[in-house]
PDB file of all heavy atoms in Angstrom:
ATOM      1  N   GLN A   1      10.309  14.785  20.261  1.00  0.00           N
ATOM      2  CA  GLN A   1      10.914  14.557  18.933  1.00  0.00           C
ATOM      3  C   GLN A   1       9.832  14.463  17.848  1.00  0.00           C
ATOM      4  O   GLN A   1      10.002  14.978  16.749  1.00  0.00           O
ATOM      5  CB  GLN A   1      11.762  13.282  18.947  1.00  0.00           C
ATOM      6  CG  GLN A   1      13.086  13.447  19.637  1.00  0.00           C
ATOM      7  CD  GLN A   1      13.886  12.145  19.650  1.00  0.00           C
ATOM      8  OE1 GLN A   1      13.349  11.062  19.450  1.00  0.00           O
ATOM      9  NE2 GLN A   1      15.181  12.288  19.912  1.00  0.00           N
ATOM     10  N   LEU A   2       8.715  13.814  18.173  1.00  0.00           N
ATOM     11  CA  LEU A   2       7.613  13.713  17.208  1.00  0.00           C
ATOM     12  C   LEU A   2       7.046  15.093  16.903  1.00  0.00           C
ATOM     13  O   LEU A   2       6.799  15.433  15.741  1.00  0.00           O
ATOM     14  CB  LEU A   2       6.531  12.775  17.771  1.00  0.00           C
ATOM     15  CG  LEU A   2       5.327  12.546  16.871  1.00  0.00           C
ATOM     16  CD1 LEU A   2       5.763  11.875  15.572  1.00  0.00           C
ATOM     17  CD2 LEU A   2       4.290  11.707  17.588  1.00  0.00           C
ATOM     18  N   GLU A   3       6.854  15.897  17.960  1.00  0.00           N
ATOM     19  CA  GLU A   3       6.374  17.269  17.751  1.00  0.00           C
ATOM     20  C   GLU A   3       7.351  18.067  16.897  1.00  0.00           C
ATOM     21  O   GLU A   3       6.953  18.808  15.988  1.00  0.00           O
ATOM     22  CB  GLU A   3       6.186  17.973  19.106  1.00  0.00           C
ATOM     23  CG  GLU A   3       4.915  17.653  19.805  1.00  0.00           C
ATOM     24  CD  GLU A   3       4.796  18.438  21.109  1.00  0.00           C
ATOM     25  OE1 GLU A   3       5.148  19.654  21.127  1.00  0.00           O
ATOM     26  OE2 GLU A   3       4.359  17.837  22.092  1.00  0.00           O
ATOM     27  N   ASN A   4       8.635  17.907  17.186  1.00  0.00           N
ATOM     28  CA  ASN A   4       9.661  18.618  16.413  1.00  0.00           C
ATOM     29  C   ASN A   4       9.639  18.188  14.938  1.00  0.00           C
ATOM     30  O   ASN A   4       9.794  19.002  14.038  1.00  0.00           O
ATOM     31  CB  ASN A   4      11.038  18.383  17.008  1.00  0.00           C
ATOM     32  CG  ASN A   4      11.260  19.157  18.285  1.00  0.00           C
ATOM     33  OD1 ASN A   4      10.548  20.107  18.570  1.00  0.00           O
ATOM     34  ND2 ASN A   4      12.247  18.739  19.069  1.00  0.00           N
ATOM     35  N   ARG A   5       9.433  16.889  14.698  1.00  0.00           N
ATOM     36  CA  ARG A   5       9.347  16.422  13.305  1.00  0.00           C
ATOM     37  C   ARG A   5       8.135  17.010  12.604  1.00  0.00           C
ATOM     38  O   ARG A   5       8.200  17.410  11.442  1.00  0.00           O
ATOM     39  CB  ARG A   5       9.277  14.888  13.270  1.00  0.00           C
ATOM     40  CG  ARG A   5      10.602  14.236  13.438  1.00  0.00           C
ATOM     41  CD  ARG A   5      10.515  12.733  13.144  1.00  0.00           C
ATOM     42  NE  ARG A   5      11.476  12.045  13.974  1.00  0.00           N
ATOM     43  CZ  ARG A   5      11.207  11.194  14.957  1.00  0.00           C
ATOM     44  NH1 ARG A   5       9.966  10.879  15.224  1.00  0.00           N
ATOM     45  NH2 ARG A   5      12.163  10.651  15.658  1.00  0.00           N
ATOM     46  N   LEU A   6       7.013  17.046  13.297  1.00  0.00           N
ATOM     47  CA  LEU A   6       5.790  17.621  12.707  1.00  0.00           C
ATOM     48  C   LEU A   6       5.987  19.108  12.392  1.00  0.00           C
ATOM     49  O   LEU A   6       5.613  19.587  11.320  1.00  0.00           O
ATOM     50  CB  LEU A   6       4.597  17.419  13.646  1.00  0.00           C
ATOM     51  CG  LEU A   6       4.105  15.991  13.816  1.00  0.00           C
ATOM     52  CD1 LEU A   6       3.009  15.939  14.869  1.00  0.00           C
ATOM     53  CD2 LEU A   6       3.604  15.437  12.500  1.00  0.00           C
ATOM     54  N   ILE A   7       6.572  19.807  13.353  1.00  0.00           N
ATOM     55  CA  ILE A   7       6.853  21.236  13.142  1.00  0.00           C
ATOM     56  C   ILE A   7       7.818  21.399  11.976  1.00  0.00           C
ATOM     57  O   ILE A   7       7.629  22.257  11.102  1.00  0.00           O
ATOM     58  CB  ILE A   7       7.406  21.887  14.430  1.00  0.00           C
ATOM     59  CG1 ILE A   7       6.326  21.959  15.495  1.00  0.00           C
ATOM     60  CG2 ILE A   7       7.952  23.278  14.125  1.00  0.00           C
ATOM     61  CD1 ILE A   7       6.844  22.387  16.858  1.00  0.00           C
ATOM     62  N   SER A   8       8.835  20.553  11.932  1.00  0.00           N
ATOM     63  CA  SER A   8       9.824  20.611  10.852  1.00  0.00           C
ATOM     64  C   SER A   8       9.167  20.337   9.489  1.00  0.00           C
ATOM     65  O   SER A   8       9.461  21.010   8.497  1.00  0.00           O
ATOM     66  CB  SER A   8      10.930  19.601  11.141  1.00  0.00           C
ATOM     67  OG  SER A   8      11.810  19.519  10.058  1.00  0.00           O
ATOM     68  N   GLU A   9       8.266  19.353   9.447  1.00  0.00           N
ATOM     69  CA  GLU A   9       7.574  19.041   8.187  1.00  0.00           C
ATOM     70  C   GLU A   9       6.691  20.211   7.750  1.00  0.00           C
ATOM     71  O   GLU A   9       6.663  20.569   6.574  1.00  0.00           O
ATOM     72  CB  GLU A   9       6.732  17.777   8.347  1.00  0.00           C
ATOM     73  CG  GLU A   9       7.539  16.506   8.387  1.00  0.00           C
ATOM     74  CD  GLU A   9       6.673  15.278   8.646  1.00  0.00           C
ATOM     75  OE1 GLU A   9       5.427  15.405   8.631  1.00  0.00           O
ATOM     76  OE2 GLU A   9       7.251  14.206   8.878  1.00  0.00           O
ATOM     77  N   ARG A  10       5.955  20.801   8.699  1.00  0.00           N
ATOM     78  CA  ARG A  10       5.111  21.957   8.362  1.00  0.00           C
ATOM     79  C   ARG A  10       5.946  23.129   7.857  1.00  0.00           C
ATOM     80  O   ARG A  10       5.597  23.781   6.873  1.00  0.00           O
ATOM     81  CB  ARG A  10       4.287  22.392   9.571  1.00  0.00           C
ATOM     82  CG  ARG A  10       2.921  21.749   9.577  1.00  0.00           C
ATOM     83  CD  ARG A  10       2.020  22.350  10.622  1.00  0.00           C
ATOM     84  NE  ARG A  10       2.404  21.736  11.906  1.00  0.00           N
ATOM     85  CZ  ARG A  10       2.424  22.376  13.059  1.00  0.00           C
ATOM     86  NH1 ARG A  10       2.098  23.622  13.147  1.00  0.00           N
ATOM     87  NH2 ARG A  10       2.782  21.753  14.169  1.00  0.00           N
ATOM     88  N   LEU A  11       7.068  23.389   8.526  1.00  0.00           N
ATOM     89  CA  LEU A  11       7.950  24.474   8.095  1.00  0.00           C
ATOM     90  C   LEU A  11       8.527  24.183   6.705  1.00  0.00           C
ATOM     91  O   LEU A  11       8.609  25.075   5.857  1.00  0.00           O
ATOM     92  CB  LEU A  11       9.083  24.691   9.103  1.00  0.00           C
ATOM     93  CG  LEU A  11       8.711  25.416  10.382  1.00  0.00           C
ATOM     94  CD1 LEU A  11       9.891  25.432  11.341  1.00  0.00           C
ATOM     95  CD2 LEU A  11       8.254  26.825  10.081  1.00  0.00           C
ATOM     96  N   THR A  12       8.892  22.928   6.480  1.00  0.00           N
ATOM     97  CA  THR A  12       9.431  22.542   5.169  1.00  0.00           C
ATOM     98  C   THR A  12       8.379  22.752   4.085  1.00  0.00           C
ATOM     99  O   THR A  12       8.681  23.255   3.005  1.00  0.00           O
ATOM    100  CB  THR A  12       9.896  21.073   5.194  1.00  0.00           C
ATOM    101  OG1 THR A  12      10.863  20.911   6.213  1.00  0.00           O
ATOM    102  CG2 THR A  12      10.487  20.670   3.861  1.00  0.00           C
ATOM    103  N   GLU A  13       7.136  22.356   4.370  1.00  0.00           N
ATOM    104  CA  GLU A  13       6.051  22.556   3.399  1.00  0.00           C
ATOM    105  C   GLU A  13       5.812  24.043   3.133  1.00  0.00           C
ATOM    106  O   GLU A  13       5.628  24.460   1.984  1.00  0.00           O
ATOM    107  CB  GLU A  13       4.771  21.895   3.900  1.00  0.00           C
ATOM    108  CG  GLU A  13       4.783  20.391   3.817  1.00  0.00           C
ATOM    109  CD  GLU A  13       3.520  19.778   4.408  1.00  0.00           C
ATOM    110  OE1 GLU A  13       2.536  20.518   4.635  1.00  0.00           O
ATOM    111  OE2 GLU A  13       3.531  18.559   4.654  1.00  0.00           O
ATOM    112  N   GLU A  14       5.807  24.846   4.181  1.00  0.00           N
ATOM    113  CA  GLU A  14       5.610  26.291   4.027  1.00  0.00           C
ATOM    114  C   GLU A  14       6.741  26.905   3.204  1.00  0.00           C
ATOM    115  O   GLU A  14       6.503  27.709   2.306  1.00  0.00           O
ATOM    116  CB  GLU A  14       5.528  26.986   5.397  1.00  0.00           C
ATOM    117  CG  GLU A  14       4.239  26.757   6.136  1.00  0.00           C
ATOM    118  CD  GLU A  14       3.068  27.444   5.463  1.00  0.00           C
ATOM    119  OE1 GLU A  14       3.230  28.558   4.921  1.00  0.00           O
ATOM    120  OE2 GLU A  14       1.984  26.841   5.479  1.00  0.00           O
ATOM    121  N   ILE A  15       7.955  26.522   3.510  1.00  0.00           N
ATOM    122  CA  ILE A  15       9.107  27.050   2.772  1.00  0.00           C
ATOM    123  C   ILE A  15       9.032  26.618   1.312  1.00  0.00           C
ATOM    124  O   ILE A  15       9.254  27.414   0.395  1.00  0.00           O
ATOM    125  CB  ILE A  15      10.427  26.601   3.429  1.00  0.00           C
ATOM    126  CG1 ILE A  15      10.607  27.311   4.769  1.00  0.00           C
ATOM    127  CG2 ILE A  15      11.613  26.869   2.510  1.00  0.00           C
ATOM    128  CD1 ILE A  15      11.763  26.794   5.599  1.00  0.00           C
ATOM    129  N   HIS A  16       8.678  25.357   1.088  1.00  0.00           N
ATOM    130  CA  HIS A  16       8.545  24.855  -0.293  1.00  0.00           C
ATOM    131  C   HIS A  16       7.461  25.646  -1.036  1.00  0.00           C
ATOM    132  O   HIS A  16       7.645  26.025  -2.190  1.00  0.00           O
ATOM    133  CB  HIS A  16       8.214  23.362  -0.267  1.00  0.00           C
ATOM    134  CG  HIS A  16       8.045  22.765  -1.617  1.00  0.00           C
ATOM    135  ND1 HIS A  16       9.098  22.594  -2.492  1.00  0.00           N
ATOM    136  CD2 HIS A  16       6.944  22.313  -2.265  1.00  0.00           C
ATOM    137  CE1 HIS A  16       8.655  22.058  -3.617  1.00  0.00           C
ATOM    138  NE2 HIS A  16       7.338  21.881  -3.502  1.00  0.00           N
ATOM    139  N   PHE A  17       6.321  25.898  -0.366  1.00  0.00           N
ATOM    140  CA  PHE A  17       5.233  26.669  -0.975  1.00  0.00           C
ATOM    141  C   PHE A  17       5.696  28.084  -1.318  1.00  0.00           C
ATOM    142  O   PHE A  17       5.438  28.588  -2.418  1.00  0.00           O
ATOM    143  CB  PHE A  17       4.032  26.708  -0.025  1.00  0.00           C
ATOM    144  CG  PHE A  17       2.905  27.549  -0.512  1.00  0.00           C
ATOM    145  CD1 PHE A  17       2.079  27.119  -1.534  1.00  0.00           C
ATOM    146  CD2 PHE A  17       2.679  28.807   0.045  1.00  0.00           C
ATOM    147  CE1 PHE A  17       1.034  27.907  -1.984  1.00  0.00           C
ATOM    148  CE2 PHE A  17       1.635  29.601  -0.403  1.00  0.00           C
ATOM    149  CZ  PHE A  17       0.816  29.155  -1.416  1.00  0.00           C
ATOM    150  N   LEU A  18       6.400  28.717  -0.392  1.00  0.00           N
ATOM    151  CA  LEU A  18       6.879  30.083  -0.629  1.00  0.00           C
ATOM    152  C   LEU A  18       7.900  30.123  -1.765  1.00  0.00           C
ATOM    153  O   LEU A  18       7.849  30.999  -2.633  1.00  0.00           O
ATOM    154  CB  LEU A  18       7.496  30.660   0.646  1.00  0.00           C
ATOM    155  CG  LEU A  18       6.518  30.991   1.775  1.00  0.00           C
ATOM    156  CD1 LEU A  18       7.287  31.379   3.037  1.00  0.00           C
ATOM    157  CD2 LEU A  18       5.568  32.088   1.353  1.00  0.00           C
ATOM    158  N   VAL A  19       8.822  29.177  -1.786  1.00  0.00           N
ATOM    159  CA  VAL A  19       9.841  29.145  -2.839  1.00  0.00           C
ATOM    160  C   VAL A  19       9.185  28.905  -4.200  1.00  0.00           C
ATOM    161  O   VAL A  19       9.528  29.548  -5.189  1.00  0.00           O
ATOM    162  CB  VAL A  19      10.903  28.062  -2.526  1.00  0.00           C
ATOM    163  CG1 VAL A  19      11.786  27.793  -3.726  1.00  0.00           C
ATOM    164  CG2 VAL A  19      11.737  28.483  -1.339  1.00  0.00           C
ATOM    165  N   LYS A  20       8.216  27.983  -4.230  1.00  0.00           N
ATOM    166  CA  LYS A  20       7.524  27.709  -5.503  1.00  0.00           C
ATOM    167  C   LYS A  20       6.778  28.957  -5.990  1.00  0.00           C
ATOM    168  O   LYS A  20       6.795  29.285  -7.174  1.00  0.00           O
ATOM    169  CB  LYS A  20       6.565  26.545  -5.328  1.00  0.00           C
ATOM    170  CG  LYS A  20       6.018  26.049  -6.628  1.00  0.00           C
ATOM    171  CD  LYS A  20       5.466  24.669  -6.462  1.00  0.00           C
ATOM    172  CE  LYS A  20       5.068  24.184  -7.825  1.00  0.00           C
ATOM    173  NZ  LYS A  20       5.426  22.829  -8.060  1.00  0.00           N
ATOM    174  N   GLY A  21       6.142  29.681  -5.064  1.00  0.00           N
ATOM    175  CA  GLY A  21       5.447  30.913  -5.431  1.00  0.00           C
ATOM    176  C   GLY A  21       6.403  31.969  -5.971  1.00  0.00           C
ATOM    177  O   GLY A  21       6.112  32.641  -6.961  1.00  0.00           O
ATOM    178  N   ILE A  22       7.530  32.101  -5.338  1.00  0.00           N
ATOM    179  CA  ILE A  22       8.534  33.078  -5.792  1.00  0.00           C
ATOM    180  C   ILE A  22       9.064  32.695  -7.165  1.00  0.00           C
ATOM    181  O   ILE A  22       9.223  33.545  -8.040  1.00  0.00           O
ATOM    182  CB  ILE A  22       9.681  33.199  -4.758  1.00  0.00           C
ATOM    183  CG1 ILE A  22       9.177  33.907  -3.507  1.00  0.00           C
ATOM    184  CG2 ILE A  22      10.870  33.931  -5.343  1.00  0.00           C
ATOM    185  CD1 ILE A  22      10.157  33.919  -2.355  1.00  0.00           C
ATOM    186  N   GLN A  23       9.305  31.395  -7.373  1.00  0.00           N
ATOM    187  CA  GLN A  23       9.784  30.941  -8.681  1.00  0.00           C
ATOM    188  C   GLN A  23       8.746  31.211  -9.766  1.00  0.00           C
ATOM    189  O   GLN A  23       9.084  31.649 -10.865  1.00  0.00           O
ATOM    190  CB  GLN A  23      10.125  29.447  -8.641  1.00  0.00           C
ATOM    191  CG  GLN A  23      11.391  29.121  -7.896  1.00  0.00           C
ATOM    192  CD  GLN A  23      11.632  27.628  -7.786  1.00  0.00           C
ATOM    193  OE1 GLN A  23      10.705  26.827  -7.881  1.00  0.00           O
ATOM    194  NE2 GLN A  23      12.884  27.260  -7.562  1.00  0.00           N
ATOM    195  N   THR A  24       7.483  30.967  -9.454  1.00  0.00           N
ATOM    196  CA  THR A  24       6.409  31.224 -10.423  1.00  0.00           C
ATOM    197  C   THR A  24       6.331  32.709 -10.755  1.00  0.00           C
ATOM    198  O   THR A  24       6.266  33.092 -11.932  1.00  0.00           O
ATOM    199  CB  THR A  24       5.063  30.735  -9.867  1.00  0.00           C
ATOM    200  OG1 THR A  24       5.166  29.359  -9.528  1.00  0.00           O
ATOM    201  CG2 THR A  24       3.953  30.933 -10.868  1.00  0.00           C
ATOM    202  N   GLU A  25       6.340  33.549  -9.736  1.00  0.00           N
ATOM    203  CA  GLU A  25       6.274  34.998  -9.965  1.00  0.00           C
ATOM    204  C   GLU A  25       7.491  35.488 -10.741  1.00  0.00           C
ATOM    205  O   GLU A  25       7.379  36.351 -11.609  1.00  0.00           O
ATOM    206  CB  GLU A  25       6.159  35.732  -8.634  1.00  0.00           C
ATOM    207  CG  GLU A  25       4.816  35.561  -7.957  1.00  0.00           C
ATOM    208  CD  GLU A  25       4.750  36.231  -6.594  1.00  0.00           C
ATOM    209  OE1 GLU A  25       5.731  36.906  -6.215  1.00  0.00           O
ATOM    210  OE2 GLU A  25       3.725  36.065  -5.925  1.00  0.00           O
ATOM    211  N   THR A  26       8.647  34.942 -10.434  1.00  0.00           N
ATOM    212  CA  THR A  26       9.875  35.346 -11.123  1.00  0.00           C
ATOM    213  C   THR A  26       9.808  34.973 -12.600  1.00  0.00           C
ATOM    214  O   THR A  26      10.167  35.777 -13.465  1.00  0.00           O
ATOM    215  CB  THR A  26      11.104  34.684 -10.472  1.00  0.00           C
ATOM    216  OG1 THR A  26      11.136  35.053  -9.105  1.00  0.00           O
ATOM    217  CG2 THR A  26      12.378  35.119 -11.148  1.00  0.00           C
ATOM    218  N   SER A  27       9.327  33.773 -12.897  1.00  0.00           N
ATOM    219  CA  SER A  27       9.238  33.371 -14.313  1.00  0.00           C
ATOM    220  C   SER A  27       8.196  34.206 -15.048  1.00  0.00           C
ATOM    221  O   SER A  27       8.387  34.562 -16.214  1.00  0.00           O
ATOM    222  CB  SER A  27       8.934  31.879 -14.436  1.00  0.00           C
ATOM    223  OG  SER A  27       7.667  31.584 -13.898  1.00  0.00           O
ATOM    224  N   GLU A  28       7.078  34.556 -14.382  1.00  0.00           N
ATOM    225  CA  GLU A  28       6.077  35.421 -15.004  1.00  0.00           C
ATOM    226  C   GLU A  28       6.656  36.804 -15.291  1.00  0.00           C
ATOM    227  O   GLU A  28       6.449  37.367 -16.362  1.00  0.00           O
ATOM    228  CB  GLU A  28       4.845  35.544 -14.108  1.00  0.00           C
ATOM    229  CG  GLU A  28       3.993  34.298 -14.050  1.00  0.00           C
ATOM    230  CD  GLU A  28       2.853  34.416 -13.054  1.00  0.00           C
ATOM    231  OE1 GLU A  28       2.706  35.481 -12.414  1.00  0.00           O
ATOM    232  OE2 GLU A  28       2.123  33.421 -12.903  1.00  0.00           O
ATOM    233  N   LEU A  29       7.366  37.357 -14.316  1.00  0.00           N
ATOM    234  CA  LEU A  29       8.000  38.669 -14.502  1.00  0.00           C
ATOM    235  C   LEU A  29       9.025  38.627 -15.627  1.00  0.00           C
ATOM    236  O   LEU A  29       9.114  39.555 -16.438  1.00  0.00           O
ATOM    237  CB  LEU A  29       8.660  39.144 -13.208  1.00  0.00           C
ATOM    238  CG  LEU A  29       7.726  39.695 -12.144  1.00  0.00           C
ATOM    239  CD1 LEU A  29       8.493  39.952 -10.851  1.00  0.00           C
ATOM    240  CD2 LEU A  29       7.065  40.963 -12.624  1.00  0.00           C
ATOM    241  N   GLN A  30       9.770  37.538 -15.696  1.00  0.00           N
ATOM    242  CA  GLN A  30      10.775  37.413 -16.744  1.00  0.00           C
ATOM    243  C   GLN A  30      10.119  37.367 -18.115  1.00  0.00           C
ATOM    244  O   GLN A  30      10.586  38.006 -19.057  1.00  0.00           O
ATOM    245  CB  GLN A  30      11.614  36.161 -16.512  1.00  0.00           C
ATOM    246  CG  GLN A  30      12.812  36.055 -17.413  1.00  0.00           C
ATOM    247  CD  GLN A  30      13.677  34.856 -17.052  1.00  0.00           C
ATOM    248  OE1 GLN A  30      13.192  33.915 -16.428  1.00  0.00           O
ATOM    249  NE2 GLN A  30      14.934  34.895 -17.437  1.00  0.00           N
ATOM    250  N   SER A  31       9.022  36.638 -18.247  1.00  0.00           N
ATOM    251  CA  SER A  31       8.339  36.580 -19.547  1.00  0.00           C
ATOM    252  C   SER A  31       7.742  37.942 -19.904  1.00  0.00           C
ATOM    253  O   SER A  31       7.775  38.365 -21.060  1.00  0.00           O
ATOM    254  CB  SER A  31       7.258  35.500 -19.549  1.00  0.00           C
ATOM    255  OG  SER A  31       6.200  35.842 -18.680  1.00  0.00           O
ATOM    256  N   GLN A  32       7.218  38.669 -18.905  1.00  0.00           N
ATOM    257  CA  GLN A  32       6.682  40.012 -19.165  1.00  0.00           C
ATOM    258  C   GLN A  32       7.790  40.964 -19.595  1.00  0.00           C
ATOM    259  O   GLN A  32       7.593  41.788 -20.495  1.00  0.00           O
ATOM    260  CB  GLN A  32       5.970  40.556 -17.933  1.00  0.00           C
ATOM    261  CG  GLN A  32       4.663  39.867 -17.636  1.00  0.00           C
ATOM    262  CD  GLN A  32       4.044  40.359 -16.333  1.00  0.00           C
ATOM    263  OE1 GLN A  32       4.626  41.149 -15.607  1.00  0.00           O
ATOM    264  NE2 GLN A  32       2.848  39.866 -16.035  1.00  0.00           N
ATOM    265  N   VAL A  33       8.947  40.860 -18.965  1.00  0.00           N
ATOM    266  CA  VAL A  33      10.079  41.715 -19.336  1.00  0.00           C
ATOM    267  C   VAL A  33      10.523  41.404 -20.760  1.00  0.00           C
ATOM    268  O   VAL A  33      10.807  42.312 -21.552  1.00  0.00           O
ATOM    269  CB  VAL A  33      11.250  41.535 -18.333  1.00  0.00           C
ATOM    270  CG1 VAL A  33      12.541  42.108 -18.878  1.00  0.00           C
ATOM    271  CG2 VAL A  33      10.905  42.179 -17.011  1.00  0.00           C
ATOM    272  N   ASN A  34      10.574  40.129 -21.120  1.00  0.00           N
ATOM    273  CA  ASN A  34      10.965  39.755 -22.483  1.00  0.00           C
ATOM    274  C   ASN A  34       9.963  40.278 -23.507  1.00  0.00           C
ATOM    275  O   ASN A  34      10.351  40.780 -24.566  1.00  0.00           O
ATOM    276  CB  ASN A  34      11.103  38.235 -22.594  1.00  0.00           C
ATOM    277  CG  ASN A  34      12.331  37.723 -21.884  1.00  0.00           C
ATOM    278  OD1 ASN A  34      13.282  38.458 -21.655  1.00  0.00           O
ATOM    279  ND2 ASN A  34      12.308  36.461 -21.506  1.00  0.00           N
ATOM    280  N   LYS A  35       8.667  40.175 -23.197  1.00  0.00           N
ATOM    281  CA  LYS A  35       7.641  40.702 -24.108  1.00  0.00           C
ATOM    282  C   LYS A  35       7.786  42.215 -24.246  1.00  0.00           C
ATOM    283  O   LYS A  35       7.701  42.763 -25.340  1.00  0.00           O
ATOM    284  CB  LYS A  35       6.245  40.354 -23.605  1.00  0.00           C
ATOM    285  CG  LYS A  35       5.865  38.917 -23.795  1.00  0.00           C
ATOM    286  CD  LYS A  35       4.471  38.654 -23.247  1.00  0.00           C
ATOM    287  CE  LYS A  35       4.114  37.188 -23.319  1.00  0.00           C
ATOM    288  NZ  LYS A  35       2.793  36.917 -22.732  1.00  0.00           N
ATOM    289  N   SER A  36       8.000  42.878 -23.114  1.00  0.00           N
ATOM    290  CA  SER A  36       8.154  44.333 -23.126  1.00  0.00           C
ATOM    291  C   SER A  36       9.382  44.736 -23.934  1.00  0.00           C
ATOM    292  O   SER A  36       9.343  45.699 -24.709  1.00  0.00           O
ATOM    293  CB  SER A  36       8.267  44.848 -21.696  1.00  0.00           C
ATOM    294  OG  SER A  36       8.524  46.222 -21.684  1.00  0.00           O
ATOM    295  N   ARG A  37      10.468  43.998 -23.765  1.00  0.00           N
ATOM    296  CA  ARG A  37      11.694  44.292 -24.502  1.00  0.00           C
ATOM    297  C   ARG A  37      11.460  44.136 -26.005  1.00  0.00           C
ATOM    298  O   ARG A  37      11.860  44.978 -26.800  1.00  0.00           O
ATOM    299  CB  ARG A  37      12.825  43.376 -24.047  1.00  0.00           C
ATOM    300  CG  ARG A  37      14.142  43.698 -24.727  1.00  0.00           C
ATOM    301  CD  ARG A  37      15.271  42.768 -24.295  1.00  0.00           C
ATOM    302  NE  ARG A  37      15.426  42.777 -22.844  1.00  0.00           N
ATOM    303  CZ  ARG A  37      15.669  41.680 -22.135  1.00  0.00           C
ATOM    304  NH1 ARG A  37      15.773  40.511 -22.706  1.00  0.00           N
ATOM    305  NH2 ARG A  37      15.823  41.776 -20.832  1.00  0.00           N
ATOM    306  N   THR A  38      10.773  43.058 -26.392  1.00  0.00           N
ATOM    307  CA  THR A  38      10.477  42.838 -27.810  1.00  0.00           C
ATOM    308  C   THR A  38       9.600  43.960 -28.353  1.00  0.00           C
ATOM    309  O   THR A  38       9.850  44.480 -29.444  1.00  0.00           O
ATOM    310  CB  THR A  38       9.776  41.479 -27.992  1.00  0.00           C
ATOM    311  OG1 THR A  38      10.606  40.455 -27.464  1.00  0.00           O
ATOM    312  CG2 THR A  38       9.499  41.207 -29.446  1.00  0.00           C
ATOM    313  N   THR A  39       8.596  44.350 -27.586  1.00  0.00           N
ATOM    314  CA  THR A  39       7.710  45.441 -28.018  1.00  0.00           C
ATOM    315  C   THR A  39       8.486  46.737 -28.169  1.00  0.00           C
ATOM    316  O   THR A  39       8.317  47.462 -29.154  1.00  0.00           O
ATOM    317  CB  THR A  39       6.575  45.625 -26.992  1.00  0.00           C
ATOM    318  OG1 THR A  39       5.858  44.400 -26.863  1.00  0.00           O
ATOM    319  CG2 THR A  39       5.628  46.726 -27.420  1.00  0.00           C
ATOM    320  N   ASN A  40       9.356  47.027 -27.210  1.00  0.00           N
ATOM    321  CA  ASN A  40      10.163  48.252 -27.284  1.00  0.00           C
ATOM    322  C   ASN A  40      11.109  48.231 -28.479  1.00  0.00           C
ATOM    323  O   ASN A  40      11.304  49.253 -29.137  1.00  0.00           O
ATOM    324  CB  ASN A  40      10.946  48.456 -25.987  1.00  0.00           C
ATOM    325  CG  ASN A  40      10.061  48.817 -24.821  1.00  0.00           C
ATOM    326  OD1 ASN A  40       8.930  49.265 -25.003  1.00  0.00           O
ATOM    327  ND2 ASN A  40      10.545  48.607 -23.617  1.00  0.00           N
TER     328      ASN A  40
END
């Protein structure tokens, strides 16, 4: 059970890291699209 909790915590951290990265990239892309739209 302790090993499973450790594995679960590591997986949760990895998933959180990946989701945060995707959110950051998505917001950057959205701001670039808005700038491009304004320029166009």
